[in-house]
Amino acid sequence: MDIHEIMAMLPHRYPFLMIDRVVELVPGERVVALKNVTINEPQFAGHFPSQPVMPGVLMVEAIAQACGIMAMSANPTFRERPLYLLGLDKVRFRSPVRPGDQVRVEVVKRSEKRGIWFFSANLTVEGRTVVEGEVMATVLVDKPAPGESA
C-alpha cells in the first residue's frame, strides 16, 4: 500500500501522517508499516535541536494509525469513521529513534470484544525493538436515532 492508498484510508495529513508505506497487511489480523524519519519534520526544530529524537507520542500515533489501517481494511464501512485510542498498556520505549531511521511498525490484533479491538505493537529500527506495547481502540459507529432503523 503506497502513500496515496494510505491517504485514501486515513484522515491524517502532513505533518501528522505517521505511516509512509504498508508492506504487509492481513485485513483484521496484522499490519506491517514503515515510517521514514527525516530531519525536516517539524518536531525536530524543538525536540531536541542539538540531539534530535522522535517524540514517543508520535511513535504511539504511528501505532494508532497502523491499527486504523488494519481495522478499516477488515471493515470498509469504518473508512468514514476515525479509530479512537482507548488505552495503552505496557508501552515501553527501548531505544531512541533519530532522523535517518526507518521505523518498522508491526501491529497484531489479539482480540475484539463488543467493538473494542486489542492489539500488540512492536516498533523496530534495523531489527532492534525501539517501542513495544499493547493498545485498545474502537471505531465509533453512530447509533440510529430513536425510531430509525439501523
N, C-alpha and C. Protein backbone atom coordinates (compact mmCIF):
# COMPACT_ATOMS: atom_id res chain seq x y z
N MET A 1 0.86 -1.16 0.00
CA MET A 1 0.00 0.00 0.00
C MET A 1 0.91 1.23 0.00
N ASP A 2 0.74 2.08 -0.98
CA ASP A 2 1.59 3.27 -1.06
C ASP A 2 0.91 4.44 -0.35
N ILE A 3 1.57 5.58 -0.35
CA ILE A 3 1.09 6.75 0.39
C ILE A 3 -0.28 7.22 -0.08
N HIS A 4 -0.57 7.07 -1.37
CA HIS A 4 -1.87 7.50 -1.89
C HIS A 4 -3.00 6.62 -1.36
N GLU A 5 -2.76 5.32 -1.29
CA GLU A 5 -3.75 4.41 -0.73
C GLU A 5 -3.94 4.64 0.77
N ILE A 6 -2.84 4.93 1.46
CA ILE A 6 -2.91 5.23 2.89
C ILE A 6 -3.73 6.50 3.12
N MET A 7 -3.48 7.53 2.33
CA MET A 7 -4.21 8.79 2.48
C MET A 7 -5.69 8.64 2.12
N ALA A 8 -6.02 7.69 1.25
CA ALA A 8 -7.42 7.43 0.94
C ALA A 8 -8.12 6.74 2.11
N MET A 9 -7.35 6.07 2.95
CA MET A 9 -7.92 5.34 4.06
C MET A 9 -7.93 6.13 5.37
N LEU A 10 -6.85 6.87 5.65
CA LEU A 10 -6.72 7.61 6.91
C LEU A 10 -7.06 9.08 6.70
N PRO A 11 -7.65 9.73 7.71
CA PRO A 11 -7.94 11.16 7.59
C PRO A 11 -6.73 12.04 7.87
N HIS A 12 -5.64 11.50 8.36
CA HIS A 12 -4.46 12.27 8.76
C HIS A 12 -3.72 12.83 7.54
N ARG A 13 -3.10 13.98 7.72
CA ARG A 13 -2.29 14.62 6.69
C ARG A 13 -1.04 15.19 7.33
N TYR A 14 -0.07 15.56 6.49
CA TYR A 14 1.16 16.17 6.98
C TYR A 14 0.81 17.37 7.85
N PRO A 15 1.45 17.54 8.95
CA PRO A 15 2.60 16.81 9.46
C PRO A 15 2.24 15.65 10.39
N PHE A 16 0.97 15.23 10.41
CA PHE A 16 0.58 14.22 11.38
C PHE A 16 0.34 12.84 10.78
N LEU A 17 0.61 12.65 9.52
CA LEU A 17 0.53 11.33 8.91
C LEU A 17 1.83 10.60 9.22
N MET A 18 1.76 9.53 10.00
CA MET A 18 2.96 8.85 10.51
C MET A 18 3.27 7.55 9.80
N ILE A 19 2.50 7.20 8.79
CA ILE A 19 2.74 5.97 8.04
C ILE A 19 3.07 6.34 6.60
N ASP A 20 4.21 5.87 6.11
CA ASP A 20 4.63 6.16 4.74
C ASP A 20 4.29 5.05 3.76
N ARG A 21 4.27 3.81 4.25
CA ARG A 21 4.03 2.66 3.38
C ARG A 21 3.56 1.49 4.22
N VAL A 22 2.68 0.68 3.65
CA VAL A 22 2.28 -0.59 4.27
C VAL A 22 2.91 -1.68 3.44
N VAL A 23 3.71 -2.54 4.09
CA VAL A 23 4.43 -3.59 3.36
C VAL A 23 3.79 -4.96 3.54
N GLU A 24 3.00 -5.14 4.59
CA GLU A 24 2.26 -6.38 4.80
C GLU A 24 0.92 -6.04 5.41
N LEU A 25 -0.13 -6.72 4.94
CA LEU A 25 -1.46 -6.48 5.50
C LEU A 25 -2.28 -7.75 5.39
N VAL A 26 -2.75 -8.23 6.53
CA VAL A 26 -3.75 -9.28 6.59
C VAL A 26 -4.95 -8.60 7.24
N PRO A 27 -5.96 -8.23 6.45
CA PRO A 27 -7.07 -7.42 6.98
C PRO A 27 -7.65 -8.00 8.27
N GLY A 28 -7.72 -7.12 9.27
CA GLY A 28 -8.29 -7.50 10.55
C GLY A 28 -7.39 -8.34 11.43
N GLU A 29 -6.18 -8.65 10.98
CA GLU A 29 -5.30 -9.52 11.76
C GLU A 29 -3.92 -8.92 12.04
N ARG A 30 -3.28 -8.37 11.01
CA ARG A 30 -1.89 -7.95 11.15
C ARG A 30 -1.55 -6.91 10.10
N VAL A 31 -0.70 -5.96 10.48
CA VAL A 31 -0.19 -4.98 9.54
C VAL A 31 1.26 -4.68 9.87
N VAL A 32 2.06 -4.49 8.83
CA VAL A 32 3.43 -4.01 8.98
C VAL A 32 3.56 -2.77 8.10
N ALA A 33 3.92 -1.67 8.74
CA ALA A 33 4.02 -0.39 8.04
C ALA A 33 5.40 0.22 8.29
N LEU A 34 5.75 1.18 7.45
CA LEU A 34 7.04 1.86 7.58
C LEU A 34 6.83 3.35 7.80
N LYS A 35 7.68 3.92 8.65
CA LYS A 35 7.75 5.36 8.87
C LYS A 35 9.20 5.76 8.64
N ASN A 36 9.43 6.59 7.65
CA ASN A 36 10.77 7.12 7.38
C ASN A 36 10.93 8.43 8.16
N VAL A 37 11.87 8.45 9.06
CA VAL A 37 12.07 9.61 9.92
C VAL A 37 13.11 10.52 9.27
N THR A 38 12.73 11.78 9.01
CA THR A 38 13.64 12.71 8.34
C THR A 38 13.85 13.96 9.19
N ILE A 39 15.00 14.57 9.05
CA ILE A 39 15.36 15.75 9.85
C ILE A 39 14.47 16.95 9.56
N ASN A 40 13.82 16.98 8.40
CA ASN A 40 12.99 18.15 8.07
C ASN A 40 11.57 18.07 8.64
N GLU A 41 11.29 17.08 9.50
CA GLU A 41 9.98 17.01 10.15
C GLU A 41 9.91 18.10 11.22
N PRO A 42 8.75 18.74 11.38
CA PRO A 42 8.65 19.93 12.23
C PRO A 42 9.00 19.70 13.70
N GLN A 43 8.79 18.50 14.24
CA GLN A 43 9.07 18.28 15.66
C GLN A 43 10.55 18.41 16.01
N PHE A 44 11.42 18.22 15.05
CA PHE A 44 12.86 18.26 15.36
C PHE A 44 13.39 19.67 15.56
N ALA A 45 12.61 20.67 15.20
CA ALA A 45 13.04 22.05 15.48
C ALA A 45 13.09 22.32 16.97
N GLY A 46 12.31 21.56 17.75
CA GLY A 46 12.29 21.80 19.19
C GLY A 46 12.47 20.56 20.04
N HIS A 47 12.68 19.39 19.42
CA HIS A 47 12.76 18.14 20.19
C HIS A 47 13.94 17.29 19.75
N PHE A 48 14.98 17.44 20.04
CA PHE A 48 15.78 18.48 20.68
C PHE A 48 16.77 18.91 19.63
N PRO A 49 16.89 20.20 19.32
CA PRO A 49 17.67 20.65 18.16
C PRO A 49 19.10 20.11 18.10
N SER A 50 19.79 20.02 19.24
CA SER A 50 21.17 19.54 19.19
C SER A 50 21.28 18.02 19.19
N GLN A 51 20.25 17.34 19.62
CA GLN A 51 20.20 15.87 19.64
C GLN A 51 18.78 15.42 19.25
N PRO A 52 18.40 15.54 17.97
CA PRO A 52 17.01 15.26 17.59
C PRO A 52 16.60 13.82 17.88
N VAL A 53 15.45 13.69 18.55
CA VAL A 53 14.88 12.40 18.92
C VAL A 53 13.39 12.44 18.59
N MET A 54 12.89 11.38 17.97
CA MET A 54 11.46 11.28 17.64
C MET A 54 10.66 11.21 18.93
N PRO A 55 9.70 12.10 19.14
CA PRO A 55 8.89 12.05 20.36
C PRO A 55 8.11 10.74 20.48
N GLY A 56 8.07 10.21 21.69
CA GLY A 56 7.35 8.97 21.93
C GLY A 56 5.89 9.04 21.54
N VAL A 57 5.26 10.17 21.78
CA VAL A 57 3.84 10.32 21.45
C VAL A 57 3.62 10.17 19.94
N LEU A 58 4.57 10.56 19.12
CA LEU A 58 4.42 10.41 17.67
C LEU A 58 4.62 8.95 17.26
N MET A 59 5.44 8.21 17.99
CA MET A 59 5.58 6.79 17.70
C MET A 59 4.29 6.05 18.10
N VAL A 60 3.67 6.47 19.19
CA VAL A 60 2.38 5.91 19.57
C VAL A 60 1.33 6.26 18.51
N GLU A 61 1.39 7.45 17.96
CA GLU A 61 0.47 7.83 16.89
C GLU A 61 0.67 6.94 15.66
N ALA A 62 1.91 6.58 15.34
CA ALA A 62 2.16 5.66 14.23
C ALA A 62 1.50 4.31 14.50
N ILE A 63 1.56 3.85 15.75
CA ILE A 63 0.89 2.60 16.12
C ILE A 63 -0.61 2.75 15.90
N ALA A 64 -1.19 3.85 16.38
CA ALA A 64 -2.63 4.08 16.24
C ALA A 64 -3.04 4.09 14.77
N GLN A 65 -2.26 4.74 13.93
CA GLN A 65 -2.59 4.79 12.50
C GLN A 65 -2.50 3.42 11.86
N ALA A 66 -1.51 2.61 12.27
CA ALA A 66 -1.41 1.24 11.76
C ALA A 66 -2.63 0.43 12.20
N CYS A 67 -3.05 0.61 13.45
CA CYS A 67 -4.26 -0.06 13.94
C CYS A 67 -5.47 0.35 13.09
N GLY A 68 -5.57 1.62 12.77
CA GLY A 68 -6.66 2.10 11.94
C GLY A 68 -6.67 1.47 10.57
N ILE A 69 -5.51 1.35 9.96
CA ILE A 69 -5.42 0.71 8.65
C ILE A 69 -5.89 -0.74 8.72
N MET A 70 -5.46 -1.44 9.76
CA MET A 70 -5.87 -2.83 9.90
C MET A 70 -7.38 -2.95 10.10
N ALA A 71 -7.94 -2.13 10.99
CA ALA A 71 -9.38 -2.19 11.27
C ALA A 71 -10.19 -1.82 10.03
N MET A 72 -9.76 -0.76 9.33
CA MET A 72 -10.51 -0.31 8.16
C MET A 72 -10.39 -1.28 7.00
N SER A 73 -9.27 -1.98 6.91
CA SER A 73 -9.13 -2.97 5.84
C SER A 73 -10.04 -4.16 6.09
N ALA A 74 -10.36 -4.43 7.36
CA ALA A 74 -11.23 -5.55 7.69
C ALA A 74 -12.70 -5.20 7.51
N ASN A 75 -13.03 -3.91 7.66
CA ASN A 75 -14.41 -3.48 7.56
C ASN A 75 -14.46 -2.14 6.83
N PRO A 76 -14.67 -2.16 5.52
CA PRO A 76 -14.64 -0.92 4.73
C PRO A 76 -15.62 0.16 5.20
N THR A 77 -16.69 -0.19 5.92
CA THR A 77 -17.62 0.83 6.41
C THR A 77 -16.97 1.71 7.48
N PHE A 78 -15.88 1.25 8.08
CA PHE A 78 -15.16 2.05 9.07
C PHE A 78 -14.42 3.22 8.44
N ARG A 79 -14.24 3.22 7.13
CA ARG A 79 -13.42 4.25 6.49
C ARG A 79 -13.96 5.65 6.65
N GLU A 80 -15.20 5.78 6.96
CA GLU A 80 -15.78 7.10 7.17
C GLU A 80 -15.67 7.54 8.62
N ARG A 81 -15.10 6.70 9.47
CA ARG A 81 -15.04 6.98 10.91
C ARG A 81 -13.60 6.81 11.41
N PRO A 82 -13.16 7.68 12.29
CA PRO A 82 -11.81 7.52 12.83
C PRO A 82 -11.74 6.43 13.90
N LEU A 83 -10.57 5.87 14.06
CA LEU A 83 -10.30 4.92 15.13
C LEU A 83 -9.81 5.72 16.33
N TYR A 84 -10.39 5.47 17.49
CA TYR A 84 -10.01 6.19 18.70
C TYR A 84 -9.27 5.28 19.65
N LEU A 85 -8.16 5.77 20.18
CA LEU A 85 -7.44 5.03 21.21
C LEU A 85 -8.24 5.07 22.50
N LEU A 86 -8.31 3.93 23.17
CA LEU A 86 -8.98 3.84 24.46
C LEU A 86 -7.98 3.60 25.59
N GLY A 87 -6.85 2.97 25.25
CA GLY A 87 -5.89 2.71 26.30
C GLY A 87 -4.58 2.19 25.75
N LEU A 88 -3.55 2.42 26.52
CA LEU A 88 -2.21 1.93 26.22
C LEU A 88 -1.72 1.20 27.46
N ASP A 89 -1.21 -0.01 27.29
CA ASP A 89 -0.69 -0.79 28.40
C ASP A 89 0.70 -1.30 28.06
N LYS A 90 1.52 -1.36 29.07
CA LYS A 90 2.85 -1.96 28.96
C LYS A 90 3.68 -1.35 27.84
N VAL A 91 3.45 -0.07 27.54
CA VAL A 91 4.23 0.59 26.49
C VAL A 91 5.61 0.92 27.06
N ARG A 92 6.62 0.51 26.33
CA ARG A 92 7.99 0.75 26.74
C ARG A 92 8.77 1.32 25.56
N PHE A 93 9.55 2.35 25.86
CA PHE A 93 10.42 2.97 24.87
C PHE A 93 11.82 2.45 25.14
N ARG A 94 12.31 1.60 24.26
CA ARG A 94 13.56 0.86 24.49
C ARG A 94 14.80 1.57 23.96
N SER A 95 14.62 2.37 22.93
CA SER A 95 15.78 2.99 22.29
C SER A 95 15.30 4.22 21.52
N PRO A 96 16.11 5.29 21.48
CA PRO A 96 15.67 6.48 20.75
C PRO A 96 15.60 6.25 19.24
N VAL A 97 14.69 6.98 18.62
CA VAL A 97 14.57 6.98 17.16
C VAL A 97 15.04 8.34 16.69
N ARG A 98 15.92 8.34 15.70
CA ARG A 98 16.55 9.57 15.24
C ARG A 98 16.32 9.77 13.75
N PRO A 99 16.49 11.01 13.28
CA PRO A 99 16.39 11.24 11.83
C PRO A 99 17.32 10.31 11.07
N GLY A 100 16.81 9.78 9.97
CA GLY A 100 17.55 8.82 9.17
C GLY A 100 17.11 7.39 9.43
N ASP A 101 16.41 7.16 10.54
CA ASP A 101 15.92 5.82 10.85
C ASP A 101 14.67 5.51 10.04
N GLN A 102 14.50 4.23 9.74
CA GLN A 102 13.25 3.75 9.18
C GLN A 102 12.62 2.86 10.24
N VAL A 103 11.46 3.26 10.71
CA VAL A 103 10.77 2.54 11.77
C VAL A 103 9.81 1.54 11.13
N ARG A 104 9.94 0.30 11.55
CA ARG A 104 9.03 -0.77 11.11
C ARG A 104 7.97 -0.92 12.21
N VAL A 105 6.71 -0.65 11.86
CA VAL A 105 5.60 -0.68 12.80
C VAL A 105 4.82 -1.97 12.54
N GLU A 106 4.86 -2.89 13.51
CA GLU A 106 4.11 -4.13 13.36
C GLU A 106 3.02 -4.17 14.43
N VAL A 107 1.79 -4.36 13.98
CA VAL A 107 0.65 -4.41 14.89
C VAL A 107 -0.12 -5.70 14.58
N VAL A 108 -0.46 -6.42 15.66
CA VAL A 108 -1.20 -7.67 15.54
C VAL A 108 -2.45 -7.56 16.41
N LYS A 109 -3.60 -7.91 15.85
CA LYS A 109 -4.84 -7.92 16.63
C LYS A 109 -4.83 -9.14 17.54
N ARG A 110 -5.00 -8.89 18.84
CA ARG A 110 -5.07 -10.00 19.80
C ARG A 110 -6.50 -10.50 19.95
N SER A 111 -7.45 -9.55 20.03
CA SER A 111 -8.85 -9.94 20.17
C SER A 111 -9.74 -8.74 19.88
N GLU A 112 -11.04 -9.02 19.84
CA GLU A 112 -12.04 -7.96 19.65
C GLU A 112 -13.26 -8.35 20.46
N LYS A 113 -13.71 -7.43 21.31
CA LYS A 113 -14.88 -7.71 22.15
C LYS A 113 -15.78 -6.48 22.16
N ARG A 114 -17.03 -6.67 21.75
CA ARG A 114 -18.03 -5.61 21.77
C ARG A 114 -17.55 -4.31 21.14
N GLY A 115 -16.90 -4.41 20.01
CA GLY A 115 -16.45 -3.23 19.29
C GLY A 115 -15.14 -2.64 19.77
N ILE A 116 -14.50 -3.28 20.74
CA ILE A 116 -13.20 -2.82 21.21
C ILE A 116 -12.14 -3.79 20.71
N TRP A 117 -11.15 -3.24 20.06
CA TRP A 117 -10.05 -4.04 19.50
C TRP A 117 -8.86 -3.97 20.45
N PHE A 118 -8.17 -5.11 20.60
CA PHE A 118 -6.98 -5.21 21.43
C PHE A 118 -5.81 -5.61 20.52
N PHE A 119 -4.76 -4.81 20.55
CA PHE A 119 -3.61 -5.02 19.66
C PHE A 119 -2.32 -5.14 20.47
N SER A 120 -1.35 -5.84 19.88
CA SER A 120 0.03 -5.81 20.34
C SER A 120 0.82 -5.06 19.28
N ALA A 121 1.74 -4.22 19.73
CA ALA A 121 2.54 -3.42 18.79
C ALA A 121 4.02 -3.58 19.09
N ASN A 122 4.81 -3.58 18.04
CA ASN A 122 6.26 -3.65 18.16
C ASN A 122 6.87 -2.79 17.07
N LEU A 123 7.65 -1.79 17.47
CA LEU A 123 8.35 -0.93 16.52
C LEU A 123 9.82 -1.27 16.58
N THR A 124 10.41 -1.43 15.40
CA THR A 124 11.83 -1.76 15.33
C THR A 124 12.54 -0.83 14.36
N VAL A 125 13.83 -0.66 14.60
CA VAL A 125 14.74 0.02 13.68
C VAL A 125 15.91 -0.92 13.47
N GLU A 126 16.13 -1.32 12.24
CA GLU A 126 17.22 -2.24 11.90
C GLU A 126 17.21 -3.48 12.78
N GLY A 127 16.01 -4.01 13.04
CA GLY A 127 15.88 -5.25 13.78
C GLY A 127 15.86 -5.13 15.30
N ARG A 128 16.14 -3.94 15.84
CA ARG A 128 16.12 -3.79 17.30
C ARG A 128 14.83 -3.09 17.71
N THR A 129 14.23 -3.60 18.77
CA THR A 129 12.97 -3.04 19.27
C THR A 129 13.22 -1.65 19.85
N VAL A 130 12.41 -0.68 19.41
CA VAL A 130 12.50 0.68 19.95
C VAL A 130 11.28 1.02 20.80
N VAL A 131 10.12 0.43 20.47
CA VAL A 131 8.90 0.64 21.24
C VAL A 131 8.09 -0.66 21.17
N GLU A 132 7.46 -0.99 22.30
CA GLU A 132 6.55 -2.13 22.31
C GLU A 132 5.43 -1.84 23.29
N GLY A 133 4.29 -2.47 23.07
CA GLY A 133 3.18 -2.27 24.00
C GLY A 133 1.89 -2.85 23.48
N GLU A 134 0.84 -2.59 24.25
CA GLU A 134 -0.49 -3.07 23.93
C GLU A 134 -1.43 -1.88 23.79
N VAL A 135 -2.41 -2.00 22.90
CA VAL A 135 -3.31 -0.90 22.57
C VAL A 135 -4.75 -1.39 22.59
N MET A 136 -5.64 -0.55 23.11
CA MET A 136 -7.08 -0.77 23.00
C MET A 136 -7.63 0.38 22.16
N ALA A 137 -8.52 0.06 21.23
CA ALA A 137 -9.08 1.10 20.36
C ALA A 137 -10.48 0.69 19.91
N THR A 138 -11.21 1.68 19.43
CA THR A 138 -12.54 1.41 18.89
C THR A 138 -12.83 2.36 17.74
N VAL A 139 -13.72 1.96 16.89
CA VAL A 139 -14.26 2.81 15.83
C VAL A 139 -15.66 3.17 16.27
N LEU A 140 -15.91 4.46 16.45
CA LEU A 140 -17.23 4.88 16.89
C LEU A 140 -18.23 4.76 15.75
N VAL A 141 -19.23 3.97 15.98
CA VAL A 141 -20.29 3.79 15.00
C VAL A 141 -21.51 4.52 15.53
N ASP A 142 -22.01 5.46 14.75
CA ASP A 142 -23.17 6.24 15.18
C ASP A 142 -24.37 5.32 15.36
N LYS A 143 -25.05 5.51 16.48
CA LYS A 143 -26.28 4.76 16.73
C LYS A 143 -27.43 5.48 16.03
N PRO A 144 -28.39 4.72 15.49
CA PRO A 144 -29.54 5.38 14.87
C PRO A 144 -30.36 6.12 15.93
N ALA A 145 -30.96 7.19 15.53
CA ALA A 145 -31.82 7.96 16.42
C ALA A 145 -33.04 7.12 16.79
N PRO A 146 -33.67 7.40 17.93
CA PRO A 146 -34.88 6.64 18.31
C PRO A 146 -35.91 6.66 17.19
N GLY A 147 -36.44 5.49 16.89
CA GLY A 147 -37.44 5.38 15.84
C GLY A 147 -36.86 5.10 14.46
N GLU A 148 -35.53 5.29 14.28
CA GLU A 148 -34.88 4.98 13.00
C GLU A 148 -34.38 3.56 13.02
N SER A 149 -34.35 2.96 11.83
CA SER A 149 -33.79 1.61 11.74
C SER A 149 -32.30 1.71 11.46
N ALA A 150 -31.58 0.68 11.82
CA ALA A 150 -30.13 0.67 11.68
C ALA A 150 -29.71 0.44 10.27
